[in-house]
Amino acid sequence: MLSIRDEEVRTLAETVMRKSGAPNLTAAIKLALQREIKRAEEALPLVERVAAIRAAALAKADRPSAPPLSEDERDALWTR
């Protein structure tokens, strides 16, 4: 038997139950947790998300990206 003492958690569980058609609160919570675990497992790591955004932005650029600066070139930018 599931006992929910926190009113906000109960309200959230009831909302999931109504919207998902779950037969009871336990099934609704189980479904919500399963979906959250699946979402977390499928989520791309931040590094991959940033790389995808960078690639998309570079694809839209009207000129090719410049090669990386050398250490001397970076230092020269600071001395101007």
N, C-alpha and C. Protein backbone atom coordinates (compact mmCIF):
# COMPACT_ATOMS: atom_id res chain seq x y z
N MET A 1 0.85 -1.19 0.00
CA MET A 1 0.00 0.00 0.00
C MET A 1 0.88 1.24 0.00
N LEU A 2 0.59 2.15 -0.87
CA LEU A 2 1.33 3.38 -1.01
C LEU A 2 0.75 4.44 -0.09
N SER A 3 1.62 5.10 0.67
CA SER A 3 1.17 6.16 1.55
C SER A 3 1.91 7.44 1.19
N ILE A 4 1.17 8.43 0.72
CA ILE A 4 1.77 9.71 0.34
C ILE A 4 1.33 10.76 1.34
N ARG A 5 2.30 11.29 2.07
CA ARG A 5 1.98 12.28 3.10
C ARG A 5 2.13 13.71 2.60
N ASP A 6 2.96 13.89 1.59
CA ASP A 6 3.20 15.22 1.04
C ASP A 6 2.07 15.56 0.06
N GLU A 7 1.36 16.65 0.33
CA GLU A 7 0.18 17.01 -0.46
C GLU A 7 0.54 17.35 -1.91
N GLU A 8 1.67 18.01 -2.12
CA GLU A 8 2.09 18.35 -3.47
C GLU A 8 2.40 17.08 -4.28
N VAL A 9 3.06 16.13 -3.64
CA VAL A 9 3.37 14.87 -4.32
C VAL A 9 2.09 14.13 -4.66
N ARG A 10 1.13 14.14 -3.75
CA ARG A 10 -0.16 13.49 -4.01
C ARG A 10 -0.86 14.15 -5.20
N THR A 11 -0.85 15.48 -5.23
CA THR A 11 -1.48 16.20 -6.34
C THR A 11 -0.80 15.87 -7.67
N LEU A 12 0.54 15.83 -7.67
CA LEU A 12 1.27 15.48 -8.89
C LEU A 12 0.94 14.06 -9.33
N ALA A 13 0.90 13.14 -8.40
CA ALA A 13 0.58 11.75 -8.72
C ALA A 13 -0.84 11.63 -9.26
N GLU A 14 -1.77 12.36 -8.68
CA GLU A 14 -3.16 12.32 -9.16
C GLU A 14 -3.24 12.90 -10.58
N THR A 15 -2.48 13.94 -10.85
CA THR A 15 -2.46 14.52 -12.19
C THR A 15 -1.92 13.52 -13.20
N VAL A 16 -0.82 12.85 -12.86
CA VAL A 16 -0.27 11.81 -13.75
C VAL A 16 -1.29 10.71 -13.95
N MET A 17 -1.97 10.33 -12.89
CA MET A 17 -2.97 9.26 -12.96
C MET A 17 -4.08 9.64 -13.94
N ARG A 18 -4.59 10.86 -13.80
CA ARG A 18 -5.67 11.30 -14.68
C ARG A 18 -5.21 11.39 -16.14
N LYS A 19 -4.07 12.03 -16.35
CA LYS A 19 -3.60 12.28 -17.72
C LYS A 19 -3.12 11.02 -18.43
N SER A 20 -2.61 10.06 -17.68
CA SER A 20 -2.09 8.84 -18.30
C SER A 20 -3.11 7.71 -18.34
N GLY A 21 -4.19 7.87 -17.58
CA GLY A 21 -5.19 6.80 -17.52
C GLY A 21 -4.78 5.65 -16.61
N ALA A 22 -3.80 5.90 -15.74
CA ALA A 22 -3.37 4.86 -14.80
C ALA A 22 -4.53 4.53 -13.86
N PRO A 23 -4.65 3.26 -13.47
CA PRO A 23 -5.78 2.85 -12.64
C PRO A 23 -5.70 3.32 -11.19
N ASN A 24 -4.49 3.63 -10.71
CA ASN A 24 -4.35 4.07 -9.31
C ASN A 24 -3.06 4.87 -9.16
N LEU A 25 -2.85 5.41 -7.96
CA LEU A 25 -1.68 6.25 -7.73
C LEU A 25 -0.38 5.47 -7.86
N THR A 26 -0.36 4.23 -7.38
CA THR A 26 0.85 3.43 -7.47
C THR A 26 1.25 3.23 -8.93
N ALA A 27 0.31 2.91 -9.78
CA ALA A 27 0.59 2.73 -11.20
C ALA A 27 1.04 4.04 -11.84
N ALA A 28 0.44 5.15 -11.43
CA ALA A 28 0.82 6.46 -11.97
C ALA A 28 2.25 6.82 -11.59
N ILE A 29 2.60 6.58 -10.34
CA ILE A 29 3.96 6.88 -9.89
C ILE A 29 4.96 5.96 -10.57
N LYS A 30 4.62 4.69 -10.70
CA LYS A 30 5.49 3.74 -11.38
C LYS A 30 5.74 4.19 -12.82
N LEU A 31 4.68 4.58 -13.51
CA LEU A 31 4.78 5.03 -14.90
C LEU A 31 5.65 6.29 -14.99
N ALA A 32 5.42 7.24 -14.10
CA ALA A 32 6.19 8.49 -14.12
C ALA A 32 7.67 8.21 -13.87
N LEU A 33 7.97 7.33 -12.95
CA LEU A 33 9.37 7.01 -12.66
C LEU A 33 10.02 6.28 -13.84
N GLN A 34 9.29 5.36 -14.45
CA GLN A 34 9.83 4.65 -15.62
C GLN A 34 10.13 5.62 -16.75
N ARG A 35 9.21 6.56 -16.99
CA ARG A 35 9.42 7.54 -18.05
C ARG A 35 10.60 8.45 -17.74
N GLU A 36 10.75 8.84 -16.50
CA GLU A 36 11.86 9.72 -16.12
C GLU A 36 13.20 9.00 -16.26
N ILE A 37 13.25 7.74 -15.89
CA ILE A 37 14.47 6.96 -16.05
C ILE A 37 14.83 6.83 -17.52
N LYS A 38 13.83 6.54 -18.36
CA LYS A 38 14.07 6.42 -19.80
C LYS A 38 14.56 7.75 -20.37
N ARG A 39 13.95 8.86 -19.96
CA ARG A 39 14.34 10.19 -20.44
C ARG A 39 15.78 10.48 -20.05
N ALA A 40 16.14 10.16 -18.82
CA ALA A 40 17.50 10.43 -18.35
C ALA A 40 18.52 9.57 -19.10
N GLU A 41 18.15 8.34 -19.39
CA GLU A 41 19.06 7.45 -20.12
C GLU A 41 19.25 7.89 -21.56
N GLU A 42 18.22 8.47 -22.16
CA GLU A 42 18.28 8.88 -23.56
C GLU A 42 18.85 10.28 -23.75
N ALA A 43 18.99 11.03 -22.68
CA ALA A 43 19.47 12.41 -22.77
C ALA A 43 20.92 12.44 -23.23
N LEU A 44 21.20 13.36 -24.14
CA LEU A 44 22.58 13.53 -24.61
C LEU A 44 23.39 14.27 -23.56
N PRO A 45 24.63 13.86 -23.37
CA PRO A 45 25.50 14.62 -22.45
C PRO A 45 25.69 16.05 -22.97
N LEU A 46 25.98 16.96 -22.08
CA LEU A 46 26.13 18.38 -22.43
C LEU A 46 27.15 18.58 -23.54
N VAL A 47 28.26 17.87 -23.48
CA VAL A 47 29.30 18.03 -24.49
C VAL A 47 28.75 17.71 -25.88
N GLU A 48 27.94 16.66 -25.98
CA GLU A 48 27.37 16.28 -27.27
C GLU A 48 26.31 17.28 -27.73
N ARG A 49 25.52 17.82 -26.80
CA ARG A 49 24.51 18.82 -27.17
C ARG A 49 25.18 20.08 -27.69
N VAL A 50 26.24 20.53 -27.00
CA VAL A 50 26.96 21.74 -27.43
C VAL A 50 27.61 21.50 -28.79
N ALA A 51 28.18 20.32 -29.00
CA ALA A 51 28.81 20.01 -30.28
C ALA A 51 27.79 20.06 -31.41
N ALA A 52 26.60 19.55 -31.16
CA ALA A 52 25.55 19.57 -32.18
C ALA A 52 25.11 21.00 -32.49
N ILE A 53 24.97 21.83 -31.46
CA ILE A 53 24.59 23.23 -31.67
C ILE A 53 25.70 23.96 -32.44
N ARG A 54 26.96 23.70 -32.08
CA ARG A 54 28.09 24.32 -32.76
C ARG A 54 28.10 23.91 -34.23
N ALA A 55 27.90 22.63 -34.50
CA ALA A 55 27.92 22.14 -35.88
C ALA A 55 26.80 22.80 -36.69
N ALA A 56 25.63 22.93 -36.09
CA ALA A 56 24.51 23.56 -36.80
C ALA A 56 24.80 25.02 -37.08
N ALA A 57 25.40 25.71 -36.11
CA ALA A 57 25.72 27.12 -36.30
C ALA A 57 26.79 27.28 -37.38
N LEU A 58 27.79 26.42 -37.36
CA LEU A 58 28.85 26.51 -38.38
C LEU A 58 28.30 26.20 -39.77
N ALA A 59 27.33 25.31 -39.84
CA ALA A 59 26.73 24.98 -41.14
C ALA A 59 25.99 26.18 -41.72
N LYS A 60 25.49 27.06 -40.85
CA LYS A 60 24.77 28.25 -41.30
C LYS A 60 25.72 29.42 -41.59
N ALA A 61 26.95 29.32 -41.16
CA ALA A 61 27.90 30.42 -41.33
C ALA A 61 28.16 30.65 -42.82
N ASP A 62 28.39 31.91 -43.19
CA ASP A 62 28.61 32.23 -44.60
C ASP A 62 30.08 32.14 -45.01
N ARG A 63 30.93 31.74 -44.10
CA ARG A 63 32.34 31.51 -44.44
C ARG A 63 32.86 30.36 -43.59
N PRO A 64 33.88 29.69 -44.05
CA PRO A 64 34.42 28.56 -43.27
C PRO A 64 35.05 29.04 -41.97
N SER A 65 35.05 28.19 -40.99
CA SER A 65 35.64 28.57 -39.72
C SER A 65 37.15 28.66 -39.84
N ALA A 66 37.73 29.56 -39.09
CA ALA A 66 39.18 29.76 -39.11
C ALA A 66 39.86 28.65 -38.33
N PRO A 67 41.09 28.35 -38.67
CA PRO A 67 41.82 27.36 -37.89
C PRO A 67 42.06 27.89 -36.48
N PRO A 68 42.30 27.02 -35.54
CA PRO A 68 42.55 27.48 -34.17
C PRO A 68 43.78 28.38 -34.11
N LEU A 69 43.74 29.33 -33.18
CA LEU A 69 44.88 30.24 -33.01
C LEU A 69 46.04 29.52 -32.33
N SER A 70 47.23 29.91 -32.71
CA SER A 70 48.40 29.37 -32.02
C SER A 70 48.55 30.13 -30.70
N GLU A 71 49.41 29.63 -29.85
CA GLU A 71 49.62 30.29 -28.57
C GLU A 71 50.19 31.70 -28.78
N ASP A 72 51.10 31.85 -29.75
CA ASP A 72 51.67 33.17 -30.04
C ASP A 72 50.60 34.14 -30.55
N GLU A 73 49.69 33.65 -31.39
CA GLU A 73 48.63 34.50 -31.90
C GLU A 73 47.69 34.94 -30.78
N ARG A 74 47.38 34.01 -29.87
CA ARG A 74 46.53 34.37 -28.72
C ARG A 74 47.22 35.43 -27.86
N ASP A 75 48.52 35.23 -27.61
CA ASP A 75 49.26 36.19 -26.79
C ASP A 75 49.29 37.56 -27.45
N ALA A 76 49.41 37.58 -28.78
CA ALA A 76 49.46 38.86 -29.48
C ALA A 76 48.15 39.62 -29.35
N LEU A 77 47.04 38.93 -29.24
CA LEU A 77 45.75 39.61 -29.08
C LEU A 77 45.69 40.37 -27.75
N TRP A 78 46.38 39.91 -26.74
CA TRP A 78 46.35 40.53 -25.43
C TRP A 78 47.28 41.73 -25.33
N THR A 79 48.20 41.86 -26.26
CA THR A 79 49.18 42.95 -26.15
C THR A 79 48.82 44.16 -26.99
N ARG A 80 47.72 44.13 -27.66
CA ARG A 80 47.33 45.26 -28.52
C ARG A 80 46.75 46.38 -27.72
